[in-house]
C-alpha atoms as a PDB file:
ATOM      1  CA  MET A   1      -0.353   0.174   0.169  1.00  0.00           C
ATOM      2  CA  ARG A   2       1.405   3.688  -0.857  1.00  0.00           C
ATOM      3  CA  SER A   3       1.735   5.491   1.877  1.00  0.00           C
ATOM      4  CA  VAL A   4      -0.264   9.327   1.754  1.00  0.00           C
ATOM      5  CA  MET A   5       3.157  11.039   0.865  1.00  0.00           C
ATOM      6  CA  SER A   6       3.660   8.986  -2.246  1.00  0.00           C
ATOM      7  CA  LYS A   7       0.130   9.654  -3.588  1.00  0.00           C
ATOM      8  CA  SER A   8       0.155  13.106  -2.577  1.00  0.00           C
ATOM      9  CA  LEU A   9       4.109  13.181  -4.559  1.00  0.00           C
ATOM     10  CA  GLU A  10       2.387  11.536  -7.727  1.00  0.00           C
ATOM     11  CA  HIS A  11      -0.145  14.029  -7.666  1.00  0.00           C
ATOM     12  CA  ALA A  12       1.797  17.405  -7.485  1.00  0.00           C
ATOM     13  CA  ALA A  13       3.885  15.348 -10.584  1.00  0.00           C
ATOM     14  CA  ARG A  14       0.414  15.018 -12.155  1.00  0.00           C
ATOM     15  CA  TRP A  15      -0.421  18.842 -11.374  1.00  0.00           C
ATOM     16  CA  PHE A  16       3.712  19.738 -12.802  1.00  0.00           C
ATOM     17  CA  HIS A  17       3.536  17.891 -15.923  1.00  0.00           C
ATOM     18  CA  ALA A  18       0.246  19.177 -17.147  1.00  0.00           C
ATOM     19  CA  LEU A  19       0.825  22.778 -16.749  1.00  0.00           C
ATOM     20  CA  ALA A  20       4.453  22.324 -18.295  1.00  0.00           C
ATOM     21  CA  ASP A  21       3.557  23.210 -21.153  1.00  0.00           C
ATOM     22  CA  GLU A  22       2.886  26.421 -23.118  1.00  0.00           C
ATOM     23  CA  THR A  23      -0.458  25.061 -25.218  1.00  0.00           C
ATOM     24  CA  ARG A  24      -1.783  24.134 -21.219  1.00  0.00           C
ATOM     25  CA  LEU A  25      -1.184  27.004 -19.531  1.00  0.00           C
ATOM     26  CA  ARG A  26      -3.332  29.073 -22.877  1.00  0.00           C
ATOM     27  CA  ILE A  27      -6.348  26.589 -22.404  1.00  0.00           C
ATOM     28  CA  VAL A  28      -5.964  27.040 -18.453  1.00  0.00           C
ATOM     29  CA  ASP A  29      -6.018  31.109 -18.950  1.00  0.00           C
ATOM     30  CA  ARG A  30      -9.066  30.717 -21.852  1.00  0.00           C
ATOM     31  CA  LEU A  31     -11.080  28.752 -19.163  1.00  0.00           C
ATOM     32  CA  SER A  32     -10.256  31.141 -16.472  1.00  0.00           C
ATOM     33  CA  GLU A  33     -12.258  33.712 -17.520  1.00  0.00           C
ATOM     34  CA  GLY A  34     -15.138  31.154 -17.653  1.00  0.00           C
ATOM     35  CA  GLU A  35     -16.277  27.548 -19.734  1.00  0.00           C
ATOM     36  CA  GLN A  36     -15.789  27.452 -22.488  1.00  0.00           C
ATOM     37  CA  CYS A  37     -16.888  24.846 -25.896  1.00  0.00           C
ATOM     38  CA  VAL A  38     -14.051  22.717 -27.158  1.00  0.00           C
ATOM     39  CA  CYS A  39     -15.236  23.952 -30.655  1.00  0.00           C
ATOM     40  CA  ASP A  40     -14.819  28.091 -29.482  1.00  0.00           C
ATOM     41  CA  LEU A  41     -11.010  26.804 -28.128  1.00  0.00           C
ATOM     42  CA  THR A  42     -10.026  25.813 -30.928  1.00  0.00           C
ATOM     43  CA  ASP A  43     -10.371  28.425 -32.384  1.00  0.00           C
ATOM     44  CA  LEU A  44      -9.339  30.737 -29.955  1.00  0.00           C
ATOM     45  CA  LEU A  45      -5.940  28.531 -29.650  1.00  0.00           C
ATOM     46  CA  GLY A  46      -5.317  28.217 -33.331  1.00  0.00           C
ATOM     47  CA  THR A  47      -5.216  24.582 -32.708  1.00  0.00           C
ATOM     48  CA  GLY A  48      -6.335  21.395 -33.801  1.00  0.00           C
ATOM     49  CA  GLN A  49      -9.123  19.542 -32.453  1.00  0.00           C
ATOM     50  CA  SER A  50      -7.851  16.229 -32.018  1.00  0.00           C
ATOM     51  CA  LEU A  51      -4.445  17.656 -30.404  1.00  0.00           C
ATOM     52  CA  LEU A  52      -6.558  20.454 -28.266  1.00  0.00           C
ATOM     53  CA  SER A  53      -8.329  16.763 -26.769  1.00  0.00           C
ATOM     54  CA  PHE A  54      -4.746  15.581 -26.036  1.00  0.00           C
ATOM     55  CA  HIS A  55      -4.371  18.575 -24.269  1.00  0.00           C
ATOM     56  CA  LEU A  56      -7.631  18.468 -23.036  1.00  0.00           C
ATOM     57  CA  LYS A  57      -7.571  15.430 -21.393  1.00  0.00           C
ATOM     58  CA  THR A  58      -4.201  15.709 -19.901  1.00  0.00           C
ATOM     59  CA  LEU A  59      -5.448  18.635 -18.018  1.00  0.00           C
ATOM     60  CA  LYS A  60      -8.493  16.578 -16.625  1.00  0.00           C
ATOM     61  CA  GLU A  61      -6.633  14.068 -15.499  1.00  0.00           C
ATOM     62  CA  ALA A  62      -4.827  15.907 -13.531  1.00  0.00           C
ATOM     63  CA  GLY A  63      -7.723  16.925 -11.985  1.00  0.00           C
ATOM     64  CA  ILE A  64      -7.197  20.693 -13.468  1.00  0.00           C
ATOM     65  CA  LEU A  65     -10.022  20.230 -15.360  1.00  0.00           C
ATOM     66  CA  ARG A  66     -13.752  19.443 -15.295  1.00  0.00           C
ATOM     67  CA  ASP A  67     -16.117  18.805 -18.675  1.00  0.00           C
ATOM     68  CA  ARG A  68     -20.026  19.251 -19.327  1.00  0.00           C
ATOM     69  CA  ARG A  69     -22.064  17.396 -21.316  1.00  0.00           C
ATOM     70  CA  GLU A  70     -24.921  19.015 -23.276  1.00  0.00           C
ATOM     71  CA  GLY A  71     -26.265  17.015 -26.194  1.00  0.00           C
ATOM     72  CA  ARG A  72     -23.256  16.350 -28.695  1.00  0.00           C
ATOM     73  CA  GLN A  73     -21.298  19.564 -27.140  1.00  0.00           C
ATOM     74  CA  ARG A  74     -18.736  19.746 -24.545  1.00  0.00           C
ATOM     75  CA  SER A  75     -17.791  22.532 -22.578  1.00  0.00           C
ATOM     76  CA  ASP A  76     -14.353  22.539 -20.462  1.00  0.00           C
ATOM     77  CA  ARG A  77     -14.619  24.581 -17.002  1.00  0.00           C
ATOM     78  CA  LYS A  78     -11.138  24.608 -14.657  1.00  0.00           C
ATOM     79  CA  SER A  79     -11.978  22.694 -11.910  1.00  0.00           C
ATOM     80  CA  VAL A  80     -12.500  24.167  -8.498  1.00  0.00           C
ATOM     81  CA  VAL A  81      -9.163  23.195  -6.695  1.00  0.00           C
END
């Protein structure tokens, strides 16, 4: 069984990894203004949808972002931590 300290370090490592990329920092910055649709983020950041999805997945796995589905549309927002 892992200690609380190692779980905490693992969590911190996921955060640092997720925030160590300029595009992911730009995503977090944009979402600090409020929830946004993935299609809008694609336009705002000038990136392709597959690359944006990869970055959003990394941020979600680190617990930094959450998403909300409404029909076929998905919106992302900064997580409350």
